[in-house]
Every structure is written in structure tokens, then in C-alpha cells.
Amino acid sequence: MKKQDSAVSPVVGVMLMLAVTIMIAAIVSATAGSFSNTEKKAPSAILDVSIYGAKDYGDFSAPTLTIKHVSGNVLQTKDLQIVTYYTVPGSGNISRGSLSGETAVTLKNGRCGTLFINDENRFGTQTVQSLTGGGNGNWFGNASATFRPGDILVTPAQYCKDEDADAKNPDLHRNPGMEKLFPNVNFIKSSTKEADEFPAGGVVTVKIIHTPSGQIIFDKDVVIS
């Protein structure tokens, strides 16, 4: 009798199609798994932000912003972005500030980080650098500036005694760090400018973003004291 092989081809074809389908499904599953495994997770931390129109430093005052790490995970400041929104009284203009990475402001007596961790025991007393110097380990954005529970980030208000003073209130001095965080806001009045653009009772929206994950870890309206 003559052997019949005509039924073999369809069976082989079906088996090949099934094998290809399984291989594709395995590749898709592995790829999706790798994406989920590499997805960055935001750290968990409780933060408290305070903003002052004129914080007292004994023989002078200056506007400032402080961020306290109350509890939770240690934060790498190089992985954080701070965003501020503020509506300027009178003009109604919106000031939007953004701080990420290590940045400096120029003071009369040197250069300082826009924000820095106020802990001399950990970082020493070299917070303010010379005009030709580099940064310091406590400056926001520096790889060494790890933000731990109990730490406080501050603007360089305490170093602003030699900065320009308010025409009507000589005890109130300008703070270049606040001017960086709040562009186009006049914190001190000149002899030709009477409007108070940063009064107590004003409201600032502050967001702190963990940039590797894109997640917001702080989002609050803060009242100026």
C-alpha cells in the first residue's frame, strides 16, 4: 500500500505557530517584568516647610524658608526638586521658582548654597565659600547633602547682615537665597517702592518632587509668618 503524508504538513504548521506564539508571549512577559523591576519608587518622608517674611536673627532680620525633615526615609538632596508658586500682592503676577541640583547665590562676604543643611557638627563651618571656591558638602544638591530626620534645610538668611537693607525698616535685609526661590519678588522696599510684596499672611504653594520617580513627596500651601 502507498503511504499517505498529506496530513503531516497542517499539523507541523499548527505546532510551529503555537511555538512562535509561546515565544512571543515569553519575550513580552520578560520585558514587562524588567520594566516593573526597574521602576523607581519615591521615598516616604514627613516634611515641614516654614516661610518667614522677616525672621529675627538678633540684631537684624531677613526673609527665609526652612524645610525640616520630621521623620521617614533619608533623602538625597541631589534627587529633589523644590517648586514654589506665589501670587504677588498688588500686581497679581505669579512667581514660580524651581530649585534642583547644587546652585549658589552670591553674598557680600562670599558664595553660599541657595539652601543648605544647617548642621555644623556634620559639615563644619565652611558653608560660605570664597567667590572663587567650590561648593560645600551641606549645600542642597551636593552628593554629600543627605537629608536625614531631624535635619533642617535653610536659606542663607543668617549670613545676610551685610546685605542691602529695607528703606523703611533698616533692620530688614535682603536674602539672595529667597530671591532665587521667588524670582521677581521684591522682599525689601527701596526709597521709590512702597508696596510690600511678601507680607505676613500671604500664601505660598510649595511642592517637593523626587525626580528619579517623578513623584511629589510634599505639596502644601504655606502661610508666610
Protein backbone atom coordinates (compact mmCIF):
# COMPACT_ATOMS: atom_id res chain seq x y z
CA MET A 1 0.00 0.00 0.00
CA LYS A 2 1.19 3.57 -0.74
CA LYS A 3 1.94 5.69 2.38
CA GLN A 4 -0.07 8.99 2.67
CA ASP A 5 1.83 12.02 4.17
CA SER A 6 -0.56 14.81 3.16
CA ALA A 7 -1.91 15.32 6.73
CA VAL A 8 1.53 15.96 8.25
CA SER A 9 2.03 19.49 6.87
CA PRO A 10 -1.02 21.11 8.58
CA VAL A 11 -0.06 19.56 11.91
CA VAL A 12 3.52 20.79 11.65
CA GLY A 13 2.28 24.26 10.69
CA VAL A 14 -0.02 24.45 13.69
CA MET A 15 2.78 23.33 16.02
CA LEU A 16 5.15 25.96 14.61
CA MET A 17 2.56 28.71 15.05
CA LEU A 18 1.93 27.61 18.62
CA ALA A 19 5.67 27.60 19.37
CA VAL A 20 6.11 31.10 17.93
CA THR A 21 3.14 32.39 19.95
CA ILE A 22 4.59 30.97 23.16
CA MET A 23 8.00 32.52 22.43
CA ILE A 24 6.46 35.96 21.77
CA ALA A 25 4.41 35.76 24.98
CA ALA A 26 7.53 34.84 26.96
CA ILE A 27 9.50 37.77 25.49
CA VAL A 28 6.70 40.25 26.23
CA SER A 29 6.35 38.94 29.78
CA ALA A 30 10.10 39.19 30.43
CA THR A 31 10.25 42.72 29.03
CA ALA A 32 7.29 43.89 31.11
CA GLY A 33 8.85 42.31 34.18
CA SER A 34 12.11 44.14 33.63
CA PHE A 35 10.28 47.46 33.31
CA SER A 36 8.37 46.89 36.55
CA ASN A 37 11.52 45.84 38.39
CA THR A 38 13.47 48.98 37.37
CA GLU A 39 10.67 51.44 38.15
CA LYS A 40 11.85 53.94 40.75
CA LYS A 41 9.89 54.24 43.97
CA ALA A 42 9.61 57.54 45.81
CA PRO A 43 10.94 57.63 49.38
CA SER A 44 8.50 58.24 52.19
CA ALA A 45 9.15 61.19 54.46
CA ILE A 46 7.25 63.70 56.58
CA LEU A 47 8.50 67.24 55.94
CA ASP A 48 7.53 70.61 57.40
CA VAL A 49 8.04 73.86 55.50
CA SER A 50 8.06 77.29 57.15
CA ILE A 51 8.35 80.65 55.39
CA TYR A 52 9.15 83.97 57.10
CA GLY A 53 8.83 87.47 55.73
CA ALA A 54 11.28 88.75 58.36
CA LYS A 55 12.90 86.16 60.64
CA ASP A 56 14.73 87.68 63.62
CA TYR A 57 18.47 86.98 63.96
CA GLY A 58 19.12 89.22 66.94
CA ASP A 59 20.43 92.50 65.54
CA PHE A 60 18.84 92.11 62.09
CA SER A 61 16.11 90.20 60.27
CA ALA A 62 15.74 88.65 56.82
CA PRO A 63 13.17 86.69 54.85
CA THR A 64 13.81 82.96 54.79
CA LEU A 65 12.44 79.50 54.09
CA THR A 66 13.15 76.38 56.15
CA ILE A 67 12.41 72.72 55.45
CA LYS A 68 12.52 70.32 58.40
CA HIS A 69 12.81 66.55 57.94
CA VAL A 70 10.46 65.29 60.65
CA SER A 71 10.63 61.53 60.02
CA GLY A 72 10.88 58.85 57.35
CA ASN A 73 13.48 57.85 54.78
CA VAL A 74 16.80 59.61 54.31
CA LEU A 75 16.55 61.85 51.22
CA GLN A 76 19.29 62.60 48.73
CA THR A 77 19.00 66.34 48.05
CA LYS A 78 20.52 65.79 44.60
CA ASP A 79 17.35 63.81 43.77
CA LEU A 80 14.94 66.56 44.88
CA GLN A 81 13.34 69.49 43.10
CA ILE A 82 11.67 72.30 45.04
CA VAL A 83 8.98 74.29 43.25
CA THR A 84 7.27 77.40 44.64
CA TYR A 85 4.20 79.30 43.40
CA TYR A 86 3.34 82.71 44.80
CA THR A 87 0.93 85.41 43.68
CA VAL A 88 2.49 88.83 44.24
CA PRO A 89 0.09 91.23 46.01
CA GLY A 90 -0.90 94.28 44.04
CA SER A 91 0.35 93.23 40.62
CA GLY A 92 -1.19 89.76 40.72
CA ASN A 93 1.89 88.37 38.95
CA ILE A 94 2.72 84.73 39.68
CA SER A 95 6.26 83.98 40.80
CA ARG A 96 7.32 80.42 40.03
CA GLY A 97 10.61 79.26 41.47
CA SER A 98 12.39 75.97 40.86
CA LEU A 99 15.47 74.61 42.60
CA SER A 100 17.27 71.40 41.66
CA GLY A 101 20.92 70.45 41.72
CA GLU A 102 23.68 72.32 43.51
CA THR A 103 23.31 76.06 42.98
CA ALA A 104 24.89 79.03 44.72
CA VAL A 105 23.98 82.64 45.40
CA THR A 106 26.43 85.50 45.84
CA LEU A 107 26.57 87.30 49.18
CA LYS A 108 28.61 90.34 50.16
CA ASN A 109 31.01 88.02 52.01
CA GLY A 110 31.19 85.07 49.59
CA ARG A 111 29.10 82.34 47.95
CA CYS A 112 26.56 80.09 49.62
CA GLY A 113 24.16 77.36 48.58
CA THR A 114 20.64 78.55 47.85
CA LEU A 115 19.63 76.04 50.54
CA PHE A 116 21.90 74.13 52.88
CA ILE A 117 21.65 71.68 55.78
CA ASN A 118 22.23 73.71 58.94
CA ASP A 119 24.43 71.27 60.86
CA GLU A 120 28.00 72.45 61.59
CA ASN A 121 28.74 69.31 63.62
CA ARG A 122 28.33 67.20 60.49
CA PHE A 123 29.62 69.54 57.79
CA GLY A 124 31.92 72.02 59.53
CA THR A 125 31.84 75.80 59.30
CA GLN A 126 32.69 76.24 55.61
CA THR A 127 29.09 76.78 54.45
CA VAL A 128 30.02 80.16 52.94
CA GLN A 129 32.78 79.77 50.35
CA SER A 130 35.01 82.36 48.71
CA LEU A 131 33.89 83.84 45.40
CA THR A 132 36.38 81.60 43.59
CA GLY A 133 35.75 78.49 45.69
CA GLY A 134 33.58 75.48 45.01
CA GLY A 135 30.58 74.22 46.92
CA ASN A 136 30.29 72.59 50.32
CA GLY A 137 29.00 69.20 51.42
CA ASN A 138 25.93 70.66 53.12
CA TRP A 139 24.67 72.58 50.08
CA PHE A 140 21.36 71.36 48.64
CA GLY A 141 22.09 69.24 45.56
CA ASN A 142 25.55 68.16 46.73
CA ALA A 143 26.06 64.37 46.73
CA SER A 144 27.08 64.59 50.40
CA ALA A 145 23.97 66.56 51.44
CA THR A 146 21.84 63.65 52.65
CA PHE A 147 18.69 64.98 54.31
CA ARG A 148 18.06 62.94 57.46
CA PRO A 149 15.29 63.02 60.10
CA GLY A 150 16.00 65.97 62.37
CA ASP A 151 17.88 67.93 59.68
CA ILE A 152 16.79 71.43 58.63
CA LEU A 153 17.38 72.98 55.21
CA VAL A 154 17.67 76.77 55.34
CA THR A 155 18.40 79.70 53.04
CA PRO A 156 21.48 81.80 53.92
CA ALA A 157 19.45 84.37 55.89
CA GLN A 158 21.77 84.10 58.89
CA TYR A 159 24.63 85.41 56.73
CA CYS A 160 22.72 88.41 55.35
CA LYS A 161 23.59 91.09 57.90
CA ASP A 162 25.78 92.88 55.34
CA GLU A 163 23.20 92.72 52.53
CA ASP A 164 21.13 95.73 51.43
CA ALA A 165 18.52 96.89 53.94
CA ASP A 166 14.90 97.96 53.57
CA ALA A 167 14.49 101.72 53.11
CA LYS A 168 11.71 101.92 55.71
CA ASN A 169 12.96 99.18 58.04
CA PRO A 170 16.79 99.21 58.29
CA ASP A 171 16.77 96.01 60.37
CA LEU A 172 15.33 94.01 57.44
CA HIS A 173 17.97 92.82 54.97
CA ARG A 174 17.73 91.16 51.56
CA ASN A 175 18.32 87.43 51.19
CA PRO A 176 19.67 86.32 47.77
CA GLY A 177 18.59 82.76 48.54
CA MET A 178 14.93 83.79 48.73
CA GLU A 179 15.29 85.83 45.54
CA LYS A 180 16.45 82.62 43.82
CA LEU A 181 13.44 80.67 45.11
CA PHE A 182 10.98 83.51 44.40
CA PRO A 183 12.00 85.28 41.19
CA ASN A 184 10.56 88.74 40.50
CA VAL A 185 9.55 89.30 44.14
CA ASN A 186 10.89 92.38 45.97
CA PHE A 187 11.48 91.36 49.59
CA ILE A 188 12.73 94.76 50.72
CA LYS A 189 11.40 98.19 49.79
CA SER A 190 13.54 100.82 48.15
CA SER A 191 13.08 104.56 48.58
CA THR A 192 10.97 104.58 45.41
CA LYS A 193 8.97 101.37 46.07
CA GLU A 194 6.37 101.33 48.79
CA ALA A 195 4.50 98.08 48.12
CA ASP A 196 5.11 95.12 50.43
CA GLU A 197 5.34 92.15 48.05
CA PHE A 198 5.95 89.44 50.67
CA PRO A 199 3.70 90.26 53.66
CA ALA A 200 2.83 88.03 56.58
CA GLY A 201 -0.37 86.13 55.85
CA GLY A 202 0.45 85.57 52.19
CA VAL A 203 0.23 82.02 50.87
CA VAL A 204 2.94 80.10 49.01
CA THR A 205 2.35 76.74 47.33
CA VAL A 206 5.38 74.51 47.85
CA LYS A 207 5.96 71.23 46.06
CA ILE A 208 8.92 68.90 46.62
CA ILE A 209 9.44 66.33 43.89
CA HIS A 210 11.54 63.17 43.93
CA THR A 211 12.95 63.46 40.42
CA PRO A 212 14.04 59.83 39.78
CA SER A 213 10.47 58.60 40.32
CA GLY A 214 8.67 61.79 39.30
CA GLN A 215 6.57 61.56 42.49
CA ILE A 216 5.57 64.53 44.66
CA ILE A 217 6.55 63.90 48.29
CA PHE A 218 5.37 67.28 49.63
CA ASP A 219 2.55 69.50 48.36
CA LYS A 220 1.15 72.17 50.64
CA ASP A 221 0.04 75.80 50.84
CA VAL A 222 2.31 77.50 53.38
CA VAL A 223 1.30 80.73 55.12
CA ILE A 224 4.03 83.39 55.41
CA SER A 225 4.78 84.22 59.06
